[in-house]
Amino acid sequence: MQEIEIHLNGFDDQEKLERIIEEACLAQNLRRTIKGTLQKYPGCVHWHYQKPRTSGTLEITYWPKKNRGWFPYRDGRTKSWVVDMIDVLKAEIEKQVKP
């Protein structure tokens, strides 16, 4: 499992960050299929997004307790659109949390 960090630069408004992430995904025409949490990271918010009419899932995790956000993915099992979209979303999210 690989992880690409989202640099939050001390931004710690959980509600606003969730909105930023969801709006960035919506702007890219991604469809949310899951919003939940992961046992491994208690209190985290974990999303799954899909691109209409394609296979593959984009995952995003935000863990307020550690003020950490990241995109988990698996080498060799991740669709190319997911890798491309990670770059787009990472840039947009980081732009919006910039101090």
PDB file of N, CA and C in Angstrom:
ATOM      1  N   MET A   1       0.850  -1.183   0.000  1.00  0.00           N
ATOM      2  CA  MET A   1       0.000   0.000   0.000  1.00  0.00           C
ATOM      3  C   MET A   1       0.888   1.235   0.000  1.00  0.00           C
ATOM      4  N   GLN A   2       0.624   2.135  -0.910  1.00  0.00           N
ATOM      5  CA  GLN A   2       1.328   3.410  -0.979  1.00  0.00           C
ATOM      6  C   GLN A   2       0.397   4.511  -0.473  1.00  0.00           C
ATOM      7  N   GLU A   3       0.959   5.623  -0.067  1.00  0.00           N
ATOM      8  CA  GLU A   3       0.165   6.759   0.387  1.00  0.00           C
ATOM      9  C   GLU A   3       0.775   8.033  -0.158  1.00  0.00           C
ATOM     10  N   ILE A   4      -0.073   8.903  -0.671  1.00  0.00           N
ATOM     11  CA  ILE A   4       0.351  10.230  -1.098  1.00  0.00           C
ATOM     12  C   ILE A   4      -0.252  11.216  -0.115  1.00  0.00           C
ATOM     13  N   GLU A   5       0.613  11.933   0.585  1.00  0.00           N
ATOM     14  CA  GLU A   5       0.184  12.864   1.627  1.00  0.00           C
ATOM     15  C   GLU A   5      -0.465  14.119   1.046  1.00  0.00           C
ATOM     16  N   ILE A   6      -1.459  14.612   1.759  1.00  0.00           N
ATOM     17  CA  ILE A   6      -2.041  15.917   1.488  1.00  0.00           C
ATOM     18  C   ILE A   6      -1.442  16.845   2.540  1.00  0.00           C
ATOM     19  N   HIS A   7      -0.699  17.842   2.111  1.00  0.00           N
ATOM     20  CA  HIS A   7      -0.054  18.769   3.048  1.00  0.00           C
ATOM     21  C   HIS A   7      -1.087  19.771   3.546  1.00  0.00           C
ATOM     22  N   LEU A   8      -1.449  19.641   4.814  1.00  0.00           N
ATOM     23  CA  LEU A   8      -2.511  20.463   5.391  1.00  0.00           C
ATOM     24  C   LEU A   8      -1.991  21.753   6.026  1.00  0.00           C
ATOM     25  N   ASN A   9      -0.692  21.895   6.159  1.00  0.00           N
ATOM     26  CA  ASN A   9      -0.086  23.147   6.643  1.00  0.00           C
ATOM     27  C   ASN A   9      -0.734  23.680   7.910  1.00  0.00           C
ATOM     28  N   GLY A  10      -1.072  22.805   8.841  1.00  0.00           N
ATOM     29  CA  GLY A  10      -1.658  23.240  10.102  1.00  0.00           C
ATOM     30  C   GLY A  10      -3.160  23.508  10.045  1.00  0.00           C
ATOM     31  N   PHE A  11      -3.769  23.390   8.881  1.00  0.00           N
ATOM     32  CA  PHE A  11      -5.209  23.603   8.735  1.00  0.00           C
ATOM     33  C   PHE A  11      -5.927  22.509   9.518  1.00  0.00           C
ATOM     34  N   ASP A  12      -6.782  22.879  10.467  1.00  0.00           N
ATOM     35  CA  ASP A  12      -7.386  21.854  11.320  1.00  0.00           C
ATOM     36  C   ASP A  12      -8.895  22.022  11.520  1.00  0.00           C
ATOM     37  N   ASP A  13      -9.572  22.650  10.578  1.00  0.00           N
ATOM     38  CA  ASP A  13     -11.021  22.786  10.635  1.00  0.00           C
ATOM     39  C   ASP A  13     -11.623  21.563   9.936  1.00  0.00           C
ATOM     40  N   GLN A  14     -11.969  20.539  10.727  1.00  0.00           N
ATOM     41  CA  GLN A  14     -12.411  19.263  10.170  1.00  0.00           C
ATOM     42  C   GLN A  14     -13.614  19.423   9.251  1.00  0.00           C
ATOM     43  N   GLU A  15     -14.606  20.152   9.698  1.00  0.00           N
ATOM     44  CA  GLU A  15     -15.818  20.314   8.908  1.00  0.00           C
ATOM     45  C   GLU A  15     -15.519  20.978   7.561  1.00  0.00           C
ATOM     46  N   LYS A  16     -14.710  22.015   7.603  1.00  0.00           N
ATOM     47  CA  LYS A  16     -14.376  22.726   6.370  1.00  0.00           C
ATOM     48  C   LYS A  16     -13.517  21.859   5.455  1.00  0.00           C
ATOM     49  N   LEU A  17     -12.586  21.108   6.012  1.00  0.00           N
ATOM     50  CA  LEU A  17     -11.734  20.252   5.195  1.00  0.00           C
ATOM     51  C   LEU A  17     -12.556  19.160   4.515  1.00  0.00           C
ATOM     52  N   GLU A  18     -13.502  18.581   5.232  1.00  0.00           N
ATOM     53  CA  GLU A  18     -14.378  17.585   4.605  1.00  0.00           C
ATOM     54  C   GLU A  18     -15.114  18.207   3.422  1.00  0.00           C
ATOM     55  N   ARG A  19     -15.590  19.420   3.601  1.00  0.00           N
ATOM     56  CA  ARG A  19     -16.318  20.118   2.533  1.00  0.00           C
ATOM     57  C   ARG A  19     -15.384  20.401   1.345  1.00  0.00           C
ATOM     58  N   ILE A  20     -14.162  20.830   1.630  1.00  0.00           N
ATOM     59  CA  ILE A  20     -13.186  21.093   0.570  1.00  0.00           C
ATOM     60  C   ILE A  20     -12.935  19.828  -0.251  1.00  0.00           C
ATOM     61  N   ILE A  21     -12.714  18.712   0.435  1.00  0.00           N
ATOM     62  CA  ILE A  21     -12.450  17.445  -0.253  1.00  0.00           C
ATOM     63  C   ILE A  21     -13.645  17.038  -1.101  1.00  0.00           C
ATOM     64  N   GLU A  22     -14.832  17.083  -0.522  1.00  0.00           N
ATOM     65  CA  GLU A  22     -16.023  16.645  -1.245  1.00  0.00           C
ATOM     66  C   GLU A  22     -16.333  17.554  -2.433  1.00  0.00           C
ATOM     67  N   GLU A  23     -16.148  18.849  -2.265  1.00  0.00           N
ATOM     68  CA  GLU A  23     -16.406  19.776  -3.368  1.00  0.00           C
ATOM     69  C   GLU A  23     -15.371  19.626  -4.477  1.00  0.00           C
ATOM     70  N   ALA A  24     -14.115  19.364  -4.122  1.00  0.00           N
ATOM     71  CA  ALA A  24     -13.075  19.150  -5.127  1.00  0.00           C
ATOM     72  C   ALA A  24     -13.386  17.903  -5.959  1.00  0.00           C
ATOM     73  N   CYS A  25     -13.858  16.858  -5.303  1.00  0.00           N
ATOM     74  CA  CYS A  25     -14.217  15.625  -6.015  1.00  0.00           C
ATOM     75  C   CYS A  25     -15.442  15.842  -6.905  1.00  0.00           C
ATOM     76  N   LEU A  26     -16.422  16.548  -6.393  1.00  0.00           N
ATOM     77  CA  LEU A  26     -17.626  16.849  -7.161  1.00  0.00           C
ATOM     78  C   LEU A  26     -17.278  17.664  -8.406  1.00  0.00           C
ATOM     79  N   ALA A  27     -16.375  18.629  -8.260  1.00  0.00           N
ATOM     80  CA  ALA A  27     -15.962  19.463  -9.393  1.00  0.00           C
ATOM     81  C   ALA A  27     -15.293  18.637 -10.489  1.00  0.00           C
ATOM     82  N   GLN A  28     -14.738  17.484 -10.120  1.00  0.00           N
ATOM     83  CA  GLN A  28     -14.097  16.589 -11.092  1.00  0.00           C
ATOM     84  C   GLN A  28     -15.063  15.510 -11.598  1.00  0.00           C
ATOM     85  N   ASN A  29     -16.344  15.670 -11.261  1.00  0.00           N
ATOM     86  CA  ASN A  29     -17.391  14.746 -11.702  1.00  0.00           C
ATOM     87  C   ASN A  29     -17.195  13.330 -11.147  1.00  0.00           C
ATOM     88  N   LEU A  30     -16.682  13.252  -9.933  1.00  0.00           N
ATOM     89  CA  LEU A  30     -16.524  11.961  -9.274  1.00  0.00           C
ATOM     90  C   LEU A  30     -17.762  11.685  -8.431  1.00  0.00           C
ATOM     91  N   ARG A  31     -18.115  10.424  -8.335  1.00  0.00           N
ATOM     92  CA  ARG A  31     -19.303  10.021  -7.579  1.00  0.00           C
ATOM     93  C   ARG A  31     -18.859   9.326  -6.297  1.00  0.00           C
ATOM     94  N   ARG A  32     -19.325   9.863  -5.159  1.00  0.00           N
ATOM     95  CA  ARG A  32     -18.979   9.258  -3.871  1.00  0.00           C
ATOM     96  C   ARG A  32     -19.779   7.974  -3.694  1.00  0.00           C
ATOM     97  N   THR A  33     -19.071   6.899  -3.357  1.00  0.00           N
ATOM     98  CA  THR A  33     -19.739   5.619  -3.127  1.00  0.00           C
ATOM     99  C   THR A  33     -19.686   5.214  -1.656  1.00  0.00           C
ATOM    100  N   ILE A  34     -18.700   5.726  -0.926  1.00  0.00           N
ATOM    101  CA  ILE A  34     -18.576   5.409   0.507  1.00  0.00           C
ATOM    102  C   ILE A  34     -18.042   6.642   1.236  1.00  0.00           C
ATOM    103  N   LYS A  35     -18.612   6.905   2.400  1.00  0.00           N
ATOM    104  CA  LYS A  35     -18.026   7.855   3.349  1.00  0.00           C
ATOM    105  C   LYS A  35     -18.196   7.203   4.703  1.00  0.00           C
ATOM    106  N   GLY A  36     -17.076   6.855   5.304  1.00  0.00           N
ATOM    107  CA  GLY A  36     -17.130   6.161   6.588  1.00  0.00           C
ATOM    108  C   GLY A  36     -15.861   6.393   7.371  1.00  0.00           C
ATOM    109  N   THR A  37     -15.453   5.363   8.088  1.00  0.00           N
ATOM    110  CA  THR A  37     -14.244   5.448   8.893  1.00  0.00           C
ATOM    111  C   THR A  37     -13.485   4.131   8.775  1.00  0.00           C
ATOM    112  N   LEU A  38     -12.265   4.117   9.223  1.00  0.00           N
ATOM    113  CA  LEU A  38     -11.438   2.912   9.206  1.00  0.00           C
ATOM    114  C   LEU A  38     -11.051   2.555  10.633  1.00  0.00           C
ATOM    115  N   GLN A  39     -11.160   1.293  10.966  1.00  0.00           N
ATOM    116  CA  GLN A  39     -10.827   0.818  12.312  1.00  0.00           C
ATOM    117  C   GLN A  39      -9.372   1.140  12.669  1.00  0.00           C
ATOM    118  N   LYS A  40      -8.503   1.074  11.676  1.00  0.00           N
ATOM    119  CA  LYS A  40      -7.071   1.299  11.906  1.00  0.00           C
ATOM    120  C   LYS A  40      -6.779   2.744  12.326  1.00  0.00           C
ATOM    121  N   TYR A  41      -7.662   3.686  11.932  1.00  0.00           N
ATOM    122  CA  TYR A  41      -7.480   5.106  12.238  1.00  0.00           C
ATOM    123  C   TYR A  41      -8.748   5.639  12.903  1.00  0.00           C
ATOM    124  N   PRO A  42      -8.925   5.376  14.198  1.00  0.00           N
ATOM    125  CA  PRO A  42     -10.166   5.755  14.887  1.00  0.00           C
ATOM    126  C   PRO A  42     -10.495   7.244  14.735  1.00  0.00           C
ATOM    127  N   GLY A  43     -11.726   7.501  14.319  1.00  0.00           N
ATOM    128  CA  GLY A  43     -12.176   8.878  14.164  1.00  0.00           C
ATOM    129  C   GLY A  43     -11.864   9.488  12.809  1.00  0.00           C
ATOM    130  N   CYS A  44     -11.242   8.707  11.929  1.00  0.00           N
ATOM    131  CA  CYS A  44     -10.920   9.237  10.607  1.00  0.00           C
ATOM    132  C   CYS A  44     -12.171   9.307   9.733  1.00  0.00           C
ATOM    133  N   VAL A  45     -12.054  10.044   8.642  1.00  0.00           N
ATOM    134  CA  VAL A  45     -13.082  10.054   7.610  1.00  0.00           C
ATOM    135  C   VAL A  45     -12.436   9.454   6.376  1.00  0.00           C
ATOM    136  N   HIS A  46     -13.113   8.474   5.784  1.00  0.00           N
ATOM    137  CA  HIS A  46     -12.558   7.762   4.633  1.00  0.00           C
ATOM    138  C   HIS A  46     -13.600   7.743   3.526  1.00  0.00           C
ATOM    139  N   TRP A  47     -13.179   8.159   2.339  1.00  0.00           N
ATOM    140  CA  TRP A  47     -14.078   8.221   1.195  1.00  0.00           C
ATOM    141  C   TRP A  47     -13.613   7.277   0.097  1.00  0.00           C
ATOM    142  N   HIS A  48     -14.600   6.791  -0.673  1.00  0.00           N
ATOM    143  CA  HIS A  48     -14.348   6.121  -1.939  1.00  0.00           C
ATOM    144  C   HIS A  48     -15.077   6.924  -3.000  1.00  0.00           C
ATOM    145  N   TYR A  49     -14.393   7.198  -4.106  1.00  0.00           N
ATOM    146  CA  TYR A  49     -14.990   7.893  -5.244  1.00  0.00           C
ATOM    147  C   TYR A  49     -14.754   7.085  -6.502  1.00  0.00           C
ATOM    148  N   GLN A  50     -15.729   7.150  -7.396  1.00  0.00           N
ATOM    149  CA  GLN A  50     -15.594   6.491  -8.682  1.00  0.00           C
ATOM    150  C   GLN A  50     -15.873   7.482  -9.796  1.00  0.00           C
ATOM    151  N   LYS A  51     -15.269   7.197 -10.932  1.00  0.00           N
ATOM    152  CA  LYS A  51     -15.495   7.991 -12.132  1.00  0.00           C
ATOM    153  C   LYS A  51     -16.568   7.268 -12.941  1.00  0.00           C
ATOM    154  N   PRO A  52     -17.619   7.975 -13.333  1.00  0.00           N
ATOM    155  CA  PRO A  52     -18.700   7.314 -14.077  1.00  0.00           C
ATOM    156  C   PRO A  52     -18.189   6.561 -15.310  1.00  0.00           C
ATOM    157  N   ARG A  53     -18.737   5.399 -15.525  1.00  0.00           N
ATOM    158  CA  ARG A  53     -18.478   4.545 -16.686  1.00  0.00           C
ATOM    159  C   ARG A  53     -17.030   4.070 -16.811  1.00  0.00           C
ATOM    160  N   THR A  54     -16.313   4.020 -15.674  1.00  0.00           N
ATOM    161  CA  THR A  54     -14.952   3.474 -15.666  1.00  0.00           C
ATOM    162  C   THR A  54     -14.790   2.591 -14.435  1.00  0.00           C
ATOM    163  N   SER A  55     -13.794   1.749 -14.472  1.00  0.00           N
ATOM    164  CA  SER A  55     -13.518   0.933 -13.289  1.00  0.00           C
ATOM    165  C   SER A  55     -12.441   1.611 -12.456  1.00  0.00           C
ATOM    166  N   GLY A  56     -12.350   1.208 -11.227  1.00  0.00           N
ATOM    167  CA  GLY A  56     -11.351   1.752 -10.321  1.00  0.00           C
ATOM    168  C   GLY A  56     -11.989   2.617  -9.253  1.00  0.00           C
ATOM    169  N   THR A  57     -11.296   2.748  -8.140  1.00  0.00           N
ATOM    170  CA  THR A  57     -11.789   3.528  -7.006  1.00  0.00           C
ATOM    171  C   THR A  57     -10.685   4.423  -6.482  1.00  0.00           C
ATOM    172  N   LEU A  58     -11.028   5.680  -6.282  1.00  0.00           N
ATOM    173  CA  LEU A  58     -10.130   6.649  -5.659  1.00  0.00           C
ATOM    174  C   LEU A  58     -10.469   6.688  -4.181  1.00  0.00           C
ATOM    175  N   GLU A  59      -9.464   6.539  -3.332  1.00  0.00           N
ATOM    176  CA  GLU A  59      -9.677   6.584  -1.884  1.00  0.00           C
ATOM    177  C   GLU A  59      -8.986   7.811  -1.294  1.00  0.00           C
ATOM    178  N   ILE A  60      -9.633   8.397  -0.293  1.00  0.00           N
ATOM    179  CA  ILE A  60      -9.076   9.537   0.429  1.00  0.00           C
ATOM    180  C   ILE A  60      -9.339   9.305   1.914  1.00  0.00           C
ATOM    181  N   THR A  61      -8.352   9.589   2.747  1.00  0.00           N
ATOM    182  CA  THR A  61      -8.510   9.454   4.196  1.00  0.00           C
ATOM    183  C   THR A  61      -8.060  10.737   4.870  1.00  0.00           C
ATOM    184  N   TYR A  62      -8.861  11.187   5.823  1.00  0.00           N
ATOM    185  CA  TYR A  62      -8.499  12.341   6.655  1.00  0.00           C
ATOM    186  C   TYR A  62      -8.641  11.910   8.103  1.00  0.00           C
ATOM    187  N   TRP A  63      -7.555  12.082   8.872  1.00  0.00           N
ATOM    188  CA  TRP A  63      -7.534  11.678  10.273  1.00  0.00           C
ATOM    189  C   TRP A  63      -7.330  12.911  11.144  1.00  0.00           C
ATOM    190  N   PRO A  64      -8.433  13.497  11.639  1.00  0.00           N
ATOM    191  CA  PRO A  64      -8.343  14.739  12.423  1.00  0.00           C
ATOM    192  C   PRO A  64      -7.431  14.630  13.639  1.00  0.00           C
ATOM    193  N   LYS A  65      -7.422  13.477  14.290  1.00  0.00           N
ATOM    194  CA  LYS A  65      -6.611  13.297  15.502  1.00  0.00           C
ATOM    195  C   LYS A  65      -5.139  13.607  15.236  1.00  0.00           C
ATOM    196  N   LYS A  66      -4.663  13.273  14.062  1.00  0.00           N
ATOM    197  CA  LYS A  66      -3.261  13.514  13.696  1.00  0.00           C
ATOM    198  C   LYS A  66      -3.126  14.654  12.689  1.00  0.00           C
ATOM    199  N   ASN A  67      -4.255  15.293  12.356  1.00  0.00           N
ATOM    200  CA  ASN A  67      -4.291  16.354  11.344  1.00  0.00           C
ATOM    201  C   ASN A  67      -3.543  15.911  10.088  1.00  0.00           C
ATOM    202  N   ARG A  68      -3.982  14.777   9.561  1.00  0.00           N
ATOM    203  CA  ARG A  68      -3.296  14.146   8.437  1.00  0.00           C
ATOM    204  C   ARG A  68      -4.315  13.738   7.378  1.00  0.00           C
ATOM    205  N   GLY A  69      -3.988  14.007   6.124  1.00  0.00           N
ATOM    206  CA  GLY A  69      -4.810  13.557   5.006  1.00  0.00           C
ATOM    207  C   GLY A  69      -3.928  12.845   4.000  1.00  0.00           C
ATOM    208  N   TRP A  70      -4.488  11.836   3.296  1.00  0.00           N
ATOM    209  CA  TRP A  70      -3.699  11.101   2.315  1.00  0.00           C
ATOM    210  C   TRP A  70      -4.588  10.331   1.358  1.00  0.00           C
ATOM    211  N   PHE A  71      -3.989   9.983   0.236  1.00  0.00           N
ATOM    212  CA  PHE A  71      -4.617   9.143  -0.771  1.00  0.00           C
ATOM    213  C   PHE A  71      -3.927   7.777  -0.721  1.00  0.00           C
ATOM    214  N   PRO A  72      -4.600   6.753  -0.239  1.00  0.00           N
ATOM    215  CA  PRO A  72      -3.992   5.414  -0.272  1.00  0.00           C
ATOM    216  C   PRO A  72      -4.227   4.780  -1.649  1.00  0.00           C
ATOM    217  N   TYR A  73      -3.244   4.039  -2.135  1.00  0.00           N
ATOM    218  CA  TYR A  73      -3.426   3.307  -3.394  1.00  0.00           C
ATOM    219  C   TYR A  73      -2.483   2.121  -3.425  1.00  0.00           C
ATOM    220  N   ARG A  74      -2.772   1.217  -4.322  1.00  0.00           N
ATOM    221  CA  ARG A  74      -1.983  -0.002  -4.427  1.00  0.00           C
ATOM    222  C   ARG A  74      -1.249  -0.025  -5.773  1.00  0.00           C
ATOM    223  N   ASP A  75       0.077  -0.116  -5.725  1.00  0.00           N
ATOM    224  CA  ASP A  75       0.863  -0.210  -6.950  1.00  0.00           C
ATOM    225  C   ASP A  75       0.399  -1.390  -7.788  1.00  0.00           C
ATOM    226  N   GLY A  76       0.270  -1.165  -9.087  1.00  0.00           N
ATOM    227  CA  GLY A  76      -0.089  -2.247  -9.987  1.00  0.00           C
ATOM    228  C   GLY A  76      -1.566  -2.588 -10.008  1.00  0.00           C
ATOM    229  N   ARG A  77      -2.339  -2.052  -9.064  1.00  0.00           N
ATOM    230  CA  ARG A  77      -3.771  -2.350  -9.016  1.00  0.00           C
ATOM    231  C   ARG A  77      -4.616  -1.093  -9.173  1.00  0.00           C
ATOM    232  N   THR A  78      -3.964   0.042  -9.303  1.00  0.00           N
ATOM    233  CA  THR A  78      -4.673   1.313  -9.377  1.00  0.00           C
ATOM    234  C   THR A  78      -4.793   1.745 -10.830  1.00  0.00           C
ATOM    235  N   LYS A  79      -5.978   2.147 -11.234  1.00  0.00           N
ATOM    236  CA  LYS A  79      -6.231   2.586 -12.603  1.00  0.00           C
ATOM    237  C   LYS A  79      -5.529   3.915 -12.864  1.00  0.00           C
ATOM    238  N   SER A  80      -5.152   4.146 -14.106  1.00  0.00           N
ATOM    239  CA  SER A  80      -4.403   5.362 -14.444  1.00  0.00           C
ATOM    240  C   SER A  80      -5.199   6.628 -14.150  1.00  0.00           C
ATOM    241  N   TRP A  81      -6.523   6.595 -14.304  1.00  0.00           N
ATOM    242  CA  TRP A  81      -7.311   7.799 -14.023  1.00  0.00           C
ATOM    243  C   TRP A  81      -7.209   8.165 -12.543  1.00  0.00           C
ATOM    244  N   VAL A  82      -7.087   7.145 -11.670  1.00  0.00           N
ATOM    245  CA  VAL A  82      -6.990   7.401 -10.230  1.00  0.00           C
ATOM    246  C   VAL A  82      -5.693   8.138  -9.924  1.00  0.00           C
ATOM    247  N   VAL A  83      -4.594   7.677 -10.498  1.00  0.00           N
ATOM    248  CA  VAL A  83      -3.291   8.308 -10.270  1.00  0.00           C
ATOM    249  C   VAL A  83      -3.325   9.749 -10.775  1.00  0.00           C
ATOM    250  N   ASP A  84      -3.888   9.960 -11.970  1.00  0.00           N
ATOM    251  CA  ASP A  84      -3.997  11.314 -12.523  1.00  0.00           C
ATOM    252  C   ASP A  84      -4.868  12.196 -11.635  1.00  0.00           C
ATOM    253  N   MET A  85      -5.972  11.659 -11.149  1.00  0.00           N
ATOM    254  CA  MET A  85      -6.909  12.422 -10.337  1.00  0.00           C
ATOM    255  C   MET A  85      -6.298  12.774  -8.974  1.00  0.00           C
ATOM    256  N   ILE A  86      -5.475  11.903  -8.430  1.00  0.00           N
ATOM    257  CA  ILE A  86      -4.806  12.206  -7.162  1.00  0.00           C
ATOM    258  C   ILE A  86      -4.009  13.494  -7.304  1.00  0.00           C
ATOM    259  N   ASP A  87      -3.285  13.639  -8.409  1.00  0.00           N
ATOM    260  CA  ASP A  87      -2.493  14.855  -8.620  1.00  0.00           C
ATOM    261  C   ASP A  87      -3.381  16.090  -8.665  1.00  0.00           C
ATOM    262  N   VAL A  88      -4.497  15.999  -9.369  1.00  0.00           N
ATOM    263  CA  VAL A  88      -5.421  17.130  -9.510  1.00  0.00           C
ATOM    264  C   VAL A  88      -6.028  17.498  -8.161  1.00  0.00           C
ATOM    265  N   LEU A  89      -6.533  16.497  -7.449  1.00  0.00           N
ATOM    266  CA  LEU A  89      -7.198  16.751  -6.168  1.00  0.00           C
ATOM    267  C   LEU A  89      -6.220  17.231  -5.106  1.00  0.00           C
ATOM    268  N   LYS A  90      -5.048  16.629  -5.065  1.00  0.00           N
ATOM    269  CA  LYS A  90      -4.028  17.046  -4.092  1.00  0.00           C
ATOM    270  C   LYS A  90      -3.717  18.521  -4.270  1.00  0.00           C
ATOM    271  N   ALA A  91      -3.498  18.947  -5.501  1.00  0.00           N
ATOM    272  CA  ALA A  91      -3.187  20.357  -5.779  1.00  0.00           C
ATOM    273  C   ALA A  91      -4.342  21.270  -5.356  1.00  0.00           C
ATOM    274  N   GLU A  92      -5.561  20.887  -5.664  1.00  0.00           N
ATOM    275  CA  GLU A  92      -6.716  21.725  -5.331  1.00  0.00           C
ATOM    276  C   GLU A  92      -6.929  21.816  -3.822  1.00  0.00           C
ATOM    277  N   ILE A  93      -6.842  20.694  -3.133  1.00  0.00           N
ATOM    278  CA  ILE A  93      -7.036  20.689  -1.677  1.00  0.00           C
ATOM    279  C   ILE A  93      -5.943  21.516  -1.005  1.00  0.00           C
ATOM    280  N   GLU A  94      -4.691  21.290  -1.398  1.00  0.00           N
ATOM    281  CA  GLU A  94      -3.586  22.030  -0.791  1.00  0.00           C
ATOM    282  C   GLU A  94      -3.687  23.530  -1.065  1.00  0.00           C
ATOM    283  N   LYS A  95      -4.177  23.892  -2.232  1.00  0.00           N
ATOM    284  CA  LYS A  95      -4.362  25.320  -2.548  1.00  0.00           C
ATOM    285  C   LYS A  95      -5.376  25.949  -1.589  1.00  0.00           C
ATOM    286  N   GLN A  96      -6.425  25.207  -1.268  1.00  0.00           N
ATOM    287  CA  GLN A  96      -7.485  25.757  -0.431  1.00  0.00           C
ATOM    288  C   GLN A  96      -7.138  25.782   1.055  1.00  0.00           C
ATOM    289  N   VAL A  97      -6.166  25.001   1.488  1.00  0.00           N
ATOM    290  CA  VAL A  97      -5.783  25.012   2.911  1.00  0.00           C
ATOM    291  C   VAL A  97      -4.498  25.799   3.143  1.00  0.00           C
ATOM    292  N   LYS A  98      -3.986  26.400   2.092  1.00  0.00           N
ATOM    293  CA  LYS A  98      -2.757  27.183   2.196  1.00  0.00           C
ATOM    294  C   LYS A  98      -2.960  28.345   3.165  1.00  0.00           C
ATOM    295  N   PRO A  99      -2.004  28.567   4.061  1.00  0.00           N
ATOM    296  CA  PRO A  99      -2.140  29.666   5.019  1.00  0.00           C
ATOM    297  C   PRO A  99      -2.086  31.040   4.360  1.00  0.00           C
TER     298      PRO A  99
END
